[in-house]
Amino acid sequence: KDAETAKTAGLGAELVTQADGLRIARIYRSDPELPSERAPLARPGVDAREGDVLTAINGREVRNAADVAEALANQAGRQVLLDLRRGTQAMKTVAVPVDDRSEAGLRYGDWEQSRRAQVLEKSQGRIGYLHLRAMGGNDIADFAREFYTNINREGLIIDVRRNNGGNIDSWIIEKLLRRRWAFWTYEHASPQFNMQQTFAGHLVVLIDERTYSDGETFAAGIKALKLAPLIGQRTAGAGIWLSGRNPLVDGGIARIAEFGQFSAENGRWLIEGRGVSPDIAVVNLPHDSFGGGDAQLEAALSYLDNKLKTKPANPTAPEAIPAVGTPGWDMH
């Protein structure tokens, strides 16, 4: 790599070119429970809003995306001075740009937040949404935070579209296999179930052609164990796991595909070269998706809405407490 090559940076926002600068069309949303992951323009102390017009960076006038890219080159992690105009008011604020990889993560996170908001709004809070970008250590934390938030909802969409793999499929499926069989309660209290922290509603899993590796193993497990329908498109077909145990003298690694997956039922190949097919095939058309549409998510919502109408959750109500002096077991 050329050490003198400029490293790009961004402000975590969609900027739209207009005659007098760049309008901040959208500041990328992030999980409100994770303030450390906010976009640069959404950080505490940064006075920037959607609708403001960016006119200069570090005193340098910006009129288009190329100007912004040049002004932010090598500025990731450093304070920059932004000249903004809000209506007729000129103002300045200081922000800290992020590198291009973090910027891509912020844009991805904004997409996740928009899916979650759409699900909650359209279902009036009855259905939850959980997205897994991959199957690694960070994704364990994401799953735990989102899954346990949604265990008492009537429906749940687990989205593994674009999931690029890892190795936590068994850990997640284990949580989904848990079943409620009893509960404790007392007067004016919500029931506490055994097994604890168990989801008992209707489940759907979203997959697409970019669901890869352990994301596919997760989808295959969901299908084999009949935990939920798969909605979307056939997955990538990368079912043989890789090994990095072949170091080279130049410091590189020859990654070898060597851990094949086979069905425990009949010993046949799983996933490799074929992928996991959905139970309900839905295509996200490019132009519609570019405009913000998501036919696969809509299909999942429609499926769960129908399920909630035809098979609502069983009410959780304890029988009457026996009269004083009557042993409880005598009632049976």
C-alpha atoms as a PDB file:
ATOM      1  CA  LYS A   1       0.000   0.000   0.000  1.00  0.00           C
ATOM      2  CA  ASP A   2       1.127   3.525  -0.726  1.00  0.00           C
ATOM      3  CA  ALA A   3       1.598   5.253   2.630  1.00  0.00           C
ATOM      4  CA  GLU A   4       0.848   8.601   0.998  1.00  0.00           C
ATOM      5  CA  THR A   5      -2.562   7.542  -0.310  1.00  0.00           C
ATOM      6  CA  ALA A   6      -5.248   9.666   1.351  1.00  0.00           C
ATOM      7  CA  LYS A   7      -7.641   7.824   3.659  1.00  0.00           C
ATOM      8  CA  THR A   8     -11.256   8.743   3.149  1.00  0.00           C
ATOM      9  CA  ALA A   9     -13.586   9.832   5.942  1.00  0.00           C
ATOM     10  CA  GLY A  10     -17.239  10.760   6.357  1.00  0.00           C
ATOM     11  CA  LEU A  11     -19.739  12.536   8.581  1.00  0.00           C
ATOM     12  CA  GLY A  12     -22.306   9.720   8.796  1.00  0.00           C
ATOM     13  CA  ALA A  13     -24.952  11.493   6.756  1.00  0.00           C
ATOM     14  CA  GLU A  14     -26.533  11.698   3.323  1.00  0.00           C
ATOM     15  CA  LEU A  15     -25.485  14.964   1.703  1.00  0.00           C
ATOM     16  CA  VAL A  16     -27.433  16.273  -1.300  1.00  0.00           C
ATOM     17  CA  THR A  17     -25.772  18.769  -3.623  1.00  0.00           C
ATOM     18  CA  GLN A  18     -27.617  22.010  -4.248  1.00  0.00           C
ATOM     19  CA  ALA A  19     -26.646  25.438  -5.591  1.00  0.00           C
ATOM     20  CA  ASP A  20     -25.358  26.868  -2.318  1.00  0.00           C
ATOM     21  CA  GLY A  21     -23.713  23.819  -0.718  1.00  0.00           C
ATOM     22  CA  LEU A  22     -24.750  20.367   0.463  1.00  0.00           C
ATOM     23  CA  ARG A  23     -27.994  19.842   2.313  1.00  0.00           C
ATOM     24  CA  ILE A  24     -27.894  17.340   5.187  1.00  0.00           C
ATOM     25  CA  ALA A  25     -30.736  15.128   3.959  1.00  0.00           C
ATOM     26  CA  ARG A  26     -30.379  12.461   6.636  1.00  0.00           C
ATOM     27  CA  ILE A  27     -28.142  11.842   9.612  1.00  0.00           C
ATOM     28  CA  TYR A  28     -27.719   8.095  10.002  1.00  0.00           C
ATOM     29  CA  ARG A  29     -29.657   6.638  12.927  1.00  0.00           C
ATOM     30  CA  SER A  30     -28.122   4.203  15.373  1.00  0.00           C
ATOM     31  CA  ASP A  31     -29.339   2.166  18.324  1.00  0.00           C
ATOM     32  CA  PRO A  32     -30.377   4.707  21.003  1.00  0.00           C
ATOM     33  CA  GLU A  33     -29.024   2.358  23.683  1.00  0.00           C
ATOM     34  CA  LEU A  34     -25.516   2.584  22.190  1.00  0.00           C
ATOM     35  CA  PRO A  35     -24.551   6.277  22.259  1.00  0.00           C
ATOM     36  CA  SER A  36     -20.929   5.454  21.424  1.00  0.00           C
ATOM     37  CA  GLU A  37     -22.093   4.305  17.966  1.00  0.00           C
ATOM     38  CA  ARG A  38     -23.742   7.580  16.970  1.00  0.00           C
ATOM     39  CA  ALA A  39     -22.882   9.223  13.665  1.00  0.00           C
ATOM     40  CA  PRO A  40     -20.458  12.183  13.864  1.00  0.00           C
ATOM     41  CA  LEU A  41     -23.245  14.717  13.290  1.00  0.00           C
ATOM     42  CA  ALA A  42     -25.405  13.098  15.995  1.00  0.00           C
ATOM     43  CA  ARG A  43     -22.775  13.186  18.739  1.00  0.00           C
ATOM     44  CA  PRO A  44     -23.296  15.314  21.872  1.00  0.00           C
ATOM     45  CA  GLY A  45     -22.128  18.871  21.386  1.00  0.00           C
ATOM     46  CA  VAL A  46     -22.436  18.804  17.586  1.00  0.00           C
ATOM     47  CA  ASP A  47     -25.041  21.327  16.487  1.00  0.00           C
ATOM     48  CA  ALA A  48     -26.064  19.918  13.108  1.00  0.00           C
ATOM     49  CA  ARG A  49     -29.566  19.012  11.957  1.00  0.00           C
ATOM     50  CA  GLU A  50     -31.231  17.482   8.952  1.00  0.00           C
ATOM     51  CA  GLY A  51     -32.044  20.320   6.578  1.00  0.00           C
ATOM     52  CA  ASP A  52     -28.928  22.345   7.428  1.00  0.00           C
ATOM     53  CA  VAL A  53     -26.696  23.253   4.466  1.00  0.00           C
ATOM     54  CA  LEU A  54     -22.974  22.450   4.708  1.00  0.00           C
ATOM     55  CA  THR A  55     -20.990  25.245   3.034  1.00  0.00           C
ATOM     56  CA  ALA A  56     -17.394  24.777   4.226  1.00  0.00           C
ATOM     57  CA  ILE A  57     -15.087  22.335   6.032  1.00  0.00           C
ATOM     58  CA  ASN A  58     -12.074  23.738   7.925  1.00  0.00           C
ATOM     59  CA  GLY A  59     -12.661  27.038   6.141  1.00  0.00           C
ATOM     60  CA  ARG A  60     -12.628  25.401   2.717  1.00  0.00           C
ATOM     61  CA  GLU A  61     -15.724  25.932   0.600  1.00  0.00           C
ATOM     62  CA  VAL A  62     -17.567  22.736  -0.443  1.00  0.00           C
ATOM     63  CA  ARG A  63     -20.056  22.609  -3.324  1.00  0.00           C
ATOM     64  CA  ASN A  64     -20.311  18.910  -4.165  1.00  0.00           C
ATOM     65  CA  ALA A  65     -19.443  15.392  -2.961  1.00  0.00           C
ATOM     66  CA  ALA A  66     -15.929  15.580  -4.454  1.00  0.00           C
ATOM     67  CA  ASP A  67     -15.196  18.754  -2.466  1.00  0.00           C
ATOM     68  CA  VAL A  68     -16.369  17.054   0.738  1.00  0.00           C
ATOM     69  CA  ALA A  69     -14.268  13.946   0.075  1.00  0.00           C
ATOM     70  CA  GLU A  70     -11.168  16.066  -0.545  1.00  0.00           C
ATOM     71  CA  ALA A  71     -11.765  18.234   2.531  1.00  0.00           C
ATOM     72  CA  LEU A  72     -12.234  15.172   4.779  1.00  0.00           C
ATOM     73  CA  ALA A  73      -9.254  13.203   3.421  1.00  0.00           C
ATOM     74  CA  ASN A  74      -7.074  11.960   6.321  1.00  0.00           C
ATOM     75  CA  GLN A  75      -9.405  13.640   8.837  1.00  0.00           C
ATOM     76  CA  ALA A  76     -10.900  10.504  10.432  1.00  0.00           C
ATOM     77  CA  GLY A  77     -10.665  10.826  14.207  1.00  0.00           C
ATOM     78  CA  ARG A  78      -9.717  14.507  14.027  1.00  0.00           C
ATOM     79  CA  GLN A  79     -11.854  17.514  14.797  1.00  0.00           C
ATOM     80  CA  VAL A  80     -13.053  19.471  11.777  1.00  0.00           C
ATOM     81  CA  LEU A  81     -14.821  22.832  11.697  1.00  0.00           C
ATOM     82  CA  LEU A  82     -18.081  22.813   9.738  1.00  0.00           C
ATOM     83  CA  ASP A  83     -19.747  25.936   8.358  1.00  0.00           C
ATOM     84  CA  LEU A  84     -23.512  25.439   8.223  1.00  0.00           C
ATOM     85  CA  ARG A  85     -26.496  27.494   7.288  1.00  0.00           C
ATOM     86  CA  ARG A  86     -29.831  26.896   9.013  1.00  0.00           C
ATOM     87  CA  GLY A  87     -32.451  28.902   7.201  1.00  0.00           C
ATOM     88  CA  THR A  88     -30.956  32.394   7.058  1.00  0.00           C
ATOM     89  CA  GLN A  89     -28.644  31.811  10.028  1.00  0.00           C
ATOM     90  CA  ALA A  90     -24.946  31.085   9.445  1.00  0.00           C
ATOM     91  CA  MET A  91     -23.312  28.963  12.150  1.00  0.00           C
ATOM     92  CA  LYS A  92     -20.305  26.808  12.936  1.00  0.00           C
ATOM     93  CA  THR A  93     -19.894  23.508  14.755  1.00  0.00           C
ATOM     94  CA  VAL A  94     -17.112  20.979  15.352  1.00  0.00           C
ATOM     95  CA  ALA A  95     -17.421  17.275  14.465  1.00  0.00           C
ATOM     96  CA  VAL A  96     -15.091  14.268  14.342  1.00  0.00           C
ATOM     97  CA  PRO A  97     -15.375  12.303  11.049  1.00  0.00           C
ATOM     98  CA  VAL A  98     -15.065   8.515  10.909  1.00  0.00           C
ATOM     99  CA  ASP A  99     -13.144   6.355   8.437  1.00  0.00           C
ATOM    100  CA  ASP A 100     -14.841   4.848   5.389  1.00  0.00           C
ATOM    101  CA  ARG A 101     -15.401   1.454   7.004  1.00  0.00           C
ATOM    102  CA  SER A 102     -17.141   3.034  10.003  1.00  0.00           C
ATOM    103  CA  GLU A 103     -19.160   5.211   7.635  1.00  0.00           C
ATOM    104  CA  ALA A 104     -20.363   2.078   5.823  1.00  0.00           C
ATOM    105  CA  GLY A 105     -21.276   0.559   9.198  1.00  0.00           C
ATOM    106  CA  LEU A 106     -23.289   3.655  10.105  1.00  0.00           C
ATOM    107  CA  ARG A 107     -25.172   3.478   6.815  1.00  0.00           C
ATOM    108  CA  TYR A 108     -25.859  -0.226   7.430  1.00  0.00           C
ATOM    109  CA  GLY A 109     -27.041   0.547  10.957  1.00  0.00           C
ATOM    110  CA  ASP A 110     -29.401   3.207   9.629  1.00  0.00           C
ATOM    111  CA  TRP A 111     -30.900   0.586   7.316  1.00  0.00           C
ATOM    112  CA  GLU A 112     -31.386  -1.744  10.300  1.00  0.00           C
ATOM    113  CA  GLN A 113     -33.060   0.978  12.346  1.00  0.00           C
ATOM    114  CA  SER A 114     -35.416   1.793   9.475  1.00  0.00           C
ATOM    115  CA  ARG A 115     -36.454  -1.900   9.174  1.00  0.00           C
ATOM    116  CA  ARG A 116     -37.062  -2.105  12.921  1.00  0.00           C
ATOM    117  CA  ALA A 117     -39.110   1.089  12.980  1.00  0.00           C
ATOM    118  CA  GLN A 118     -41.179  -0.095  10.022  1.00  0.00           C
ATOM    119  CA  VAL A 119     -41.962  -3.427  11.674  1.00  0.00           C
ATOM    120  CA  LEU A 120     -42.944  -1.866  15.000  1.00  0.00           C
ATOM    121  CA  GLU A 121     -45.089   0.795  13.330  1.00  0.00           C
ATOM    122  CA  LYS A 122     -46.935  -1.500  10.928  1.00  0.00           C
ATOM    123  CA  SER A 123     -47.563  -4.172  13.561  1.00  0.00           C
ATOM    124  CA  GLN A 124     -48.449  -1.623  16.272  1.00  0.00           C
ATOM    125  CA  GLY A 125     -45.745  -3.128  18.453  1.00  0.00           C
ATOM    126  CA  ARG A 126     -46.985  -6.726  18.224  1.00  0.00           C
ATOM    127  CA  ILE A 127     -44.054  -7.904  16.078  1.00  0.00           C
ATOM    128  CA  GLY A 128     -40.343  -7.436  16.776  1.00  0.00           C
ATOM    129  CA  TYR A 129     -37.356  -7.259  14.420  1.00  0.00           C
ATOM    130  CA  LEU A 130     -33.811  -8.567  14.893  1.00  0.00           C
ATOM    131  CA  HIS A 131     -31.025  -8.307  12.309  1.00  0.00           C
ATOM    132  CA  LEU A 132     -27.737 -10.228  12.407  1.00  0.00           C
ATOM    133  CA  ARG A 133     -24.933  -8.872  10.230  1.00  0.00           C
ATOM    134  CA  ALA A 134     -22.715 -11.880  10.906  1.00  0.00           C
ATOM    135  CA  MET A 135     -22.187 -14.751  13.348  1.00  0.00           C
ATOM    136  CA  GLY A 136     -19.272 -13.552  15.468  1.00  0.00           C
ATOM    137  CA  GLY A 137     -18.601 -12.230  18.954  1.00  0.00           C
ATOM    138  CA  ASN A 138     -20.163  -8.824  18.369  1.00  0.00           C
ATOM    139  CA  ASP A 139     -23.259 -10.484  16.958  1.00  0.00           C
ATOM    140  CA  ILE A 140     -23.761 -12.482  20.166  1.00  0.00           C
ATOM    141  CA  ALA A 141     -24.161  -9.157  21.966  1.00  0.00           C
ATOM    142  CA  ASP A 142     -26.515  -7.842  19.271  1.00  0.00           C
ATOM    143  CA  PHE A 143     -28.652 -10.984  19.411  1.00  0.00           C
ATOM    144  CA  ALA A 144     -28.874 -10.969  23.200  1.00  0.00           C
ATOM    145  CA  ARG A 145     -29.840  -7.301  23.350  1.00  0.00           C
ATOM    146  CA  GLU A 146     -32.498  -7.549  20.640  1.00  0.00           C
ATOM    147  CA  PHE A 147     -33.845 -11.058  21.317  1.00  0.00           C
ATOM    148  CA  TYR A 148     -34.507 -10.561  25.006  1.00  0.00           C
ATOM    149  CA  THR A 149     -36.122  -7.215  24.232  1.00  0.00           C
ATOM    150  CA  ASN A 150     -38.632  -9.013  22.003  1.00  0.00           C
ATOM    151  CA  ILE A 151     -39.395 -12.250  23.860  1.00  0.00           C
ATOM    152  CA  ASN A 152     -42.872 -11.106  24.924  1.00  0.00           C
ATOM    153  CA  ARG A 153     -43.996  -9.937  21.481  1.00  0.00           C
ATOM    154  CA  GLU A 154     -46.486 -12.024  19.531  1.00  0.00           C
ATOM    155  CA  GLY A 155     -44.249 -12.280  16.472  1.00  0.00           C
ATOM    156  CA  LEU A 156     -40.561 -11.884  15.609  1.00  0.00           C
ATOM    157  CA  ILE A 157     -38.636 -11.433  12.355  1.00  0.00           C
ATOM    158  CA  ILE A 158     -35.006 -12.593  12.446  1.00  0.00           C
ATOM    159  CA  ASP A 159     -33.232 -11.104   9.441  1.00  0.00           C
ATOM    160  CA  VAL A 160     -30.032 -12.811   8.266  1.00  0.00           C
ATOM    161  CA  ARG A 161     -29.938 -11.216   4.833  1.00  0.00           C
ATOM    162  CA  ARG A 162     -26.368 -10.104   3.996  1.00  0.00           C
ATOM    163  CA  ASN A 163     -25.115 -12.167   6.957  1.00  0.00           C
ATOM    164  CA  ASN A 164     -21.457 -12.961   6.235  1.00  0.00           C
ATOM    165  CA  GLY A 165     -20.983 -15.856   8.619  1.00  0.00           C
ATOM    166  CA  GLY A 166     -19.025 -16.881  11.698  1.00  0.00           C
ATOM    167  CA  ASN A 167     -19.828 -19.809  14.006  1.00  0.00           C
ATOM    168  CA  ILE A 168     -22.606 -19.043  16.536  1.00  0.00           C
ATOM    169  CA  ASP A 169     -25.551 -20.708  14.759  1.00  0.00           C
ATOM    170  CA  SER A 170     -25.930 -23.427  17.427  1.00  0.00           C
ATOM    171  CA  TRP A 171     -25.932 -20.886  20.249  1.00  0.00           C
ATOM    172  CA  ILE A 172     -28.753 -18.917  18.625  1.00  0.00           C
ATOM    173  CA  ILE A 173     -30.816 -21.966  17.661  1.00  0.00           C
ATOM    174  CA  GLU A 174     -30.482 -23.238  21.233  1.00  0.00           C
ATOM    175  CA  LYS A 175     -32.292 -20.094  22.447  1.00  0.00           C
ATOM    176  CA  LEU A 176     -35.043 -20.562  19.877  1.00  0.00           C
ATOM    177  CA  LEU A 177     -35.567 -24.216  20.888  1.00  0.00           C
ATOM    178  CA  ARG A 178     -36.437 -23.325  24.485  1.00  0.00           C
ATOM    179  CA  ARG A 179     -40.125 -23.872  25.321  1.00  0.00           C
ATOM    180  CA  ARG A 180     -42.339 -22.494  28.065  1.00  0.00           C
ATOM    181  CA  TRP A 181     -44.010 -25.190  30.124  1.00  0.00           C
ATOM    182  CA  ALA A 182     -44.921 -23.448  33.408  1.00  0.00           C
ATOM    183  CA  PHE A 183     -45.119 -20.032  34.999  1.00  0.00           C
ATOM    184  CA  TRP A 184     -45.064 -18.350  38.382  1.00  0.00           C
ATOM    185  CA  THR A 185     -47.180 -15.363  39.286  1.00  0.00           C
ATOM    186  CA  TYR A 186     -48.919 -13.563  42.116  1.00  0.00           C
ATOM    187  CA  GLU A 187     -51.723 -11.030  42.290  1.00  0.00           C
ATOM    188  CA  HIS A 188     -51.347  -8.072  39.904  1.00  0.00           C
ATOM    189  CA  ALA A 189     -48.041  -9.404  38.582  1.00  0.00           C
ATOM    190  CA  SER A 190     -46.928 -10.458  35.114  1.00  0.00           C
ATOM    191  CA  PRO A 191     -46.256 -14.191  34.716  1.00  0.00           C
ATOM    192  CA  GLN A 192     -42.658 -15.379  34.981  1.00  0.00           C
ATOM    193  CA  PHE A 193     -42.091 -18.381  32.758  1.00  0.00           C
ATOM    194  CA  ASN A 194     -40.106 -21.544  33.009  1.00  0.00           C
ATOM    195  CA  MET A 195     -38.063 -21.877  30.861  1.00  0.00           C
ATOM    196  CA  GLN A 196     -37.024 -18.314  31.552  1.00  0.00           C
ATOM    197  CA  GLN A 197     -36.496 -15.764  28.754  1.00  0.00           C
ATOM    198  CA  THR A 198     -38.265 -17.938  26.190  1.00  0.00           C
ATOM    199  CA  PHE A 199     -39.891 -16.614  23.027  1.00  0.00           C
ATOM    200  CA  ALA A 200     -43.293 -18.231  22.463  1.00  0.00           C
ATOM    201  CA  GLY A 201     -44.665 -16.189  19.556  1.00  0.00           C
ATOM    202  CA  HIS A 202     -44.640 -16.775  15.803  1.00  0.00           C
ATOM    203  CA  LEU A 203     -41.239 -16.607  14.108  1.00  0.00           C
ATOM    204  CA  VAL A 204     -40.060 -15.816  10.554  1.00  0.00           C
ATOM    205  CA  VAL A 205     -36.485 -15.810   9.203  1.00  0.00           C
ATOM    206  CA  LEU A 206     -35.441 -13.646   6.233  1.00  0.00           C
ATOM    207  CA  ILE A 207     -32.673 -14.877   3.890  1.00  0.00           C
ATOM    208  CA  ASP A 208     -31.267 -13.732   0.554  1.00  0.00           C
ATOM    209  CA  GLU A 209     -28.553 -14.503  -1.991  1.00  0.00           C
ATOM    210  CA  ARG A 210     -25.977 -12.726   0.204  1.00  0.00           C
ATOM    211  CA  THR A 211     -26.679 -14.868   3.271  1.00  0.00           C
ATOM    212  CA  TYR A 212     -23.363 -16.673   3.579  1.00  0.00           C
ATOM    213  CA  SER A 213     -21.537 -19.447   5.466  1.00  0.00           C
ATOM    214  CA  ASP A 214     -22.757 -19.704   9.086  1.00  0.00           C
ATOM    215  CA  GLY A 215     -25.724 -17.521   8.207  1.00  0.00           C
ATOM    216  CA  GLU A 216     -26.680 -20.345   5.859  1.00  0.00           C
ATOM    217  CA  THR A 217     -26.067 -22.983   8.520  1.00  0.00           C
ATOM    218  CA  PHE A 218     -28.421 -21.057  10.785  1.00  0.00           C
ATOM    219  CA  ALA A 219     -31.061 -20.949   8.043  1.00  0.00           C
ATOM    220  CA  ALA A 220     -30.609 -24.669   7.328  1.00  0.00           C
ATOM    221  CA  GLY A 221     -31.028 -25.438  11.043  1.00  0.00           C
ATOM    222  CA  ILE A 222     -34.199 -23.351  11.240  1.00  0.00           C
ATOM    223  CA  LYS A 223     -35.580 -25.311   8.303  1.00  0.00           C
ATOM    224  CA  ALA A 224     -34.462 -28.774   9.482  1.00  0.00           C
ATOM    225  CA  LEU A 225     -35.858 -28.239  12.985  1.00  0.00           C
ATOM    226  CA  LYS A 226     -39.061 -26.663  11.610  1.00  0.00           C
ATOM    227  CA  LEU A 227     -38.704 -23.592  13.827  1.00  0.00           C
ATOM    228  CA  ALA A 228     -39.937 -21.043  11.281  1.00  0.00           C
ATOM    229  CA  PRO A 229     -40.525 -20.469   7.574  1.00  0.00           C
ATOM    230  CA  LEU A 230     -37.699 -18.975   5.536  1.00  0.00           C
ATOM    231  CA  ILE A 231     -38.715 -16.007   3.364  1.00  0.00           C
ATOM    232  CA  GLY A 232     -36.628 -14.378   0.635  1.00  0.00           C
ATOM    233  CA  GLN A 233     -34.139 -15.859  -1.824  1.00  0.00           C
ATOM    234  CA  ARG A 234     -31.850 -18.888  -1.956  1.00  0.00           C
ATOM    235  CA  THR A 235     -28.624 -18.362   0.022  1.00  0.00           C
ATOM    236  CA  ALA A 236     -25.075 -18.192  -1.375  1.00  0.00           C
ATOM    237  CA  GLY A 237     -24.167 -21.899  -1.141  1.00  0.00           C
ATOM    238  CA  ALA A 238     -20.924 -21.643   0.856  1.00  0.00           C
ATOM    239  CA  GLY A 239     -21.364 -24.645   3.158  1.00  0.00           C
ATOM    240  CA  ILE A 240     -17.809 -25.973   3.510  1.00  0.00           C
ATOM    241  CA  TRP A 241     -16.128 -24.098   6.334  1.00  0.00           C
ATOM    242  CA  LEU A 242     -12.599 -22.795   5.941  1.00  0.00           C
ATOM    243  CA  SER A 243      -9.398 -23.278   7.898  1.00  0.00           C
ATOM    244  CA  GLY A 244      -6.592 -20.749   8.372  1.00  0.00           C
ATOM    245  CA  ARG A 245      -4.070 -23.315   9.599  1.00  0.00           C
ATOM    246  CA  ASN A 246      -1.821 -23.062   6.547  1.00  0.00           C
ATOM    247  CA  PRO A 247       0.543 -20.095   7.099  1.00  0.00           C
ATOM    248  CA  LEU A 248       2.904 -19.095   4.291  1.00  0.00           C
ATOM    249  CA  VAL A 249       6.482 -17.836   4.540  1.00  0.00           C
ATOM    250  CA  ASP A 250       5.460 -14.340   3.408  1.00  0.00           C
ATOM    251  CA  GLY A 251       2.986 -14.001   6.310  1.00  0.00           C
ATOM    252  CA  GLY A 252      -0.069 -14.842   4.249  1.00  0.00           C
ATOM    253  CA  ILE A 253      -2.479 -17.721   4.830  1.00  0.00           C
ATOM    254  CA  ALA A 254      -3.819 -20.291   2.380  1.00  0.00           C
ATOM    255  CA  ARG A 255      -7.403 -20.702   3.547  1.00  0.00           C
ATOM    256  CA  ILE A 256      -8.626 -24.189   2.703  1.00  0.00           C
ATOM    257  CA  ALA A 257     -12.244 -25.293   2.421  1.00  0.00           C
ATOM    258  CA  GLU A 258     -12.202 -28.534   4.379  1.00  0.00           C
ATOM    259  CA  PHE A 259     -15.029 -28.821   6.944  1.00  0.00           C
ATOM    260  CA  GLY A 260     -18.036 -30.097   5.026  1.00  0.00           C
ATOM    261  CA  GLN A 261     -21.546 -30.144   6.518  1.00  0.00           C
ATOM    262  CA  PHE A 262     -23.823 -33.140   6.167  1.00  0.00           C
ATOM    263  CA  SER A 263     -27.374 -33.963   7.191  1.00  0.00           C
ATOM    264  CA  ALA A 264     -27.600 -35.996  10.408  1.00  0.00           C
ATOM    265  CA  GLU A 265     -30.693 -37.666   8.955  1.00  0.00           C
ATOM    266  CA  ASN A 266     -29.250 -39.096   5.733  1.00  0.00           C
ATOM    267  CA  GLY A 267     -25.607 -37.982   5.528  1.00  0.00           C
ATOM    268  CA  ARG A 268     -26.162 -35.907   2.388  1.00  0.00           C
ATOM    269  CA  TRP A 269     -24.387 -32.633   1.597  1.00  0.00           C
ATOM    270  CA  LEU A 270     -25.837 -29.509   3.156  1.00  0.00           C
ATOM    271  CA  ILE A 271     -25.664 -26.076   1.546  1.00  0.00           C
ATOM    272  CA  GLU A 272     -22.440 -26.325  -0.496  1.00  0.00           C
ATOM    273  CA  GLY A 273     -22.936 -25.256  -4.089  1.00  0.00           C
ATOM    274  CA  ARG A 274     -26.666 -25.076  -3.663  1.00  0.00           C
ATOM    275  CA  GLY A 275     -27.562 -22.909  -0.697  1.00  0.00           C
ATOM    276  CA  VAL A 276     -30.713 -22.980   1.410  1.00  0.00           C
ATOM    277  CA  SER A 277     -33.981 -22.434  -0.461  1.00  0.00           C
ATOM    278  CA  PRO A 278     -36.727 -20.295   1.072  1.00  0.00           C
ATOM    279  CA  ASP A 279     -40.133 -21.698   1.941  1.00  0.00           C
ATOM    280  CA  ILE A 280     -41.659 -18.514   0.508  1.00  0.00           C
ATOM    281  CA  ALA A 281     -39.672 -17.033  -2.380  1.00  0.00           C
ATOM    282  CA  VAL A 282     -39.769 -13.227  -2.625  1.00  0.00           C
ATOM    283  CA  VAL A 283     -37.546 -11.039  -4.815  1.00  0.00           C
ATOM    284  CA  ASN A 284     -36.446  -7.569  -3.781  1.00  0.00           C
ATOM    285  CA  LEU A 285     -36.417  -5.790  -7.134  1.00  0.00           C
ATOM    286  CA  PRO A 286     -33.413  -3.425  -7.520  1.00  0.00           C
ATOM    287  CA  HIS A 287     -35.261  -0.219  -8.413  1.00  0.00           C
ATOM    288  CA  ASP A 288     -37.865  -0.675  -5.690  1.00  0.00           C
ATOM    289  CA  SER A 289     -35.157  -1.494  -3.129  1.00  0.00           C
ATOM    290  CA  PHE A 290     -33.154   1.585  -4.154  1.00  0.00           C
ATOM    291  CA  GLY A 291     -36.261   3.647  -3.447  1.00  0.00           C
ATOM    292  CA  GLY A 292     -36.554   2.199   0.067  1.00  0.00           C
ATOM    293  CA  GLY A 293     -38.934  -0.678  -0.643  1.00  0.00           C
ATOM    294  CA  ASP A 294     -38.469  -4.097   0.924  1.00  0.00           C
ATOM    295  CA  ALA A 295     -40.817  -6.722  -0.507  1.00  0.00           C
ATOM    296  CA  GLN A 296     -39.254  -9.490   1.589  1.00  0.00           C
ATOM    297  CA  LEU A 297     -39.869  -7.627   4.831  1.00  0.00           C
ATOM    298  CA  GLU A 298     -43.418  -6.853   3.698  1.00  0.00           C
ATOM    299  CA  ALA A 299     -43.968 -10.555   3.007  1.00  0.00           C
ATOM    300  CA  ALA A 300     -42.724 -11.448   6.496  1.00  0.00           C
ATOM    301  CA  LEU A 301     -45.078  -8.897   8.058  1.00  0.00           C
ATOM    302  CA  SER A 302     -47.982 -10.187   6.009  1.00  0.00           C
ATOM    303  CA  TYR A 303     -47.232 -13.794   7.004  1.00  0.00           C
ATOM    304  CA  LEU A 304     -47.046 -12.958  10.701  1.00  0.00           C
ATOM    305  CA  ASP A 305     -50.143 -10.758  10.568  1.00  0.00           C
ATOM    306  CA  ASN A 306     -52.091 -13.671   9.124  1.00  0.00           C
ATOM    307  CA  LYS A 307     -50.663 -16.015  11.774  1.00  0.00           C
ATOM    308  CA  LEU A 308     -51.692 -13.674  14.578  1.00  0.00           C
ATOM    309  CA  LYS A 309     -55.229 -13.642  13.197  1.00  0.00           C
ATOM    310  CA  THR A 310     -55.570 -17.391  12.625  1.00  0.00           C
ATOM    311  CA  LYS A 311     -53.521 -18.652  15.563  1.00  0.00           C
ATOM    312  CA  PRO A 312     -53.333 -16.036  18.322  1.00  0.00           C
ATOM    313  CA  ALA A 313     -51.169 -16.610  21.374  1.00  0.00           C
ATOM    314  CA  ASN A 314     -52.685 -18.666  24.162  1.00  0.00           C
ATOM    315  CA  PRO A 315     -53.711 -16.532  27.133  1.00  0.00           C
ATOM    316  CA  THR A 316     -51.641 -16.954  30.276  1.00  0.00           C
ATOM    317  CA  ALA A 317     -54.087 -17.055  33.178  1.00  0.00           C
ATOM    318  CA  PRO A 318     -53.680 -18.982  36.445  1.00  0.00           C
ATOM    319  CA  GLU A 319     -56.609 -20.890  37.862  1.00  0.00           C
ATOM    320  CA  ALA A 320     -58.374 -19.534  40.934  1.00  0.00           C
ATOM    321  CA  ILE A 321     -56.576 -19.786  44.261  1.00  0.00           C
ATOM    322  CA  PRO A 322     -58.356 -22.353  46.484  1.00  0.00           C
ATOM    323  CA  ALA A 323     -60.284 -21.215  49.505  1.00  0.00           C
ATOM    324  CA  VAL A 324     -58.404 -20.908  52.795  1.00  0.00           C
ATOM    325  CA  GLY A 325     -57.970 -24.338  54.348  1.00  0.00           C
ATOM    326  CA  THR A 326     -58.342 -26.194  51.012  1.00  0.00           C
ATOM    327  CA  PRO A 327     -55.178 -27.900  49.823  1.00  0.00           C
ATOM    328  CA  GLY A 328     -54.395 -26.903  46.261  1.00  0.00           C
ATOM    329  CA  TRP A 329     -53.881 -30.464  45.111  1.00  0.00           C
ATOM    330  CA  ASP A 330     -57.437 -31.397  46.156  1.00  0.00           C
ATOM    331  CA  MET A 331     -58.779 -29.259  43.303  1.00  0.00           C
ATOM    332  CA  HIS A 332     -57.495 -31.809  40.801  1.00  0.00           C
END
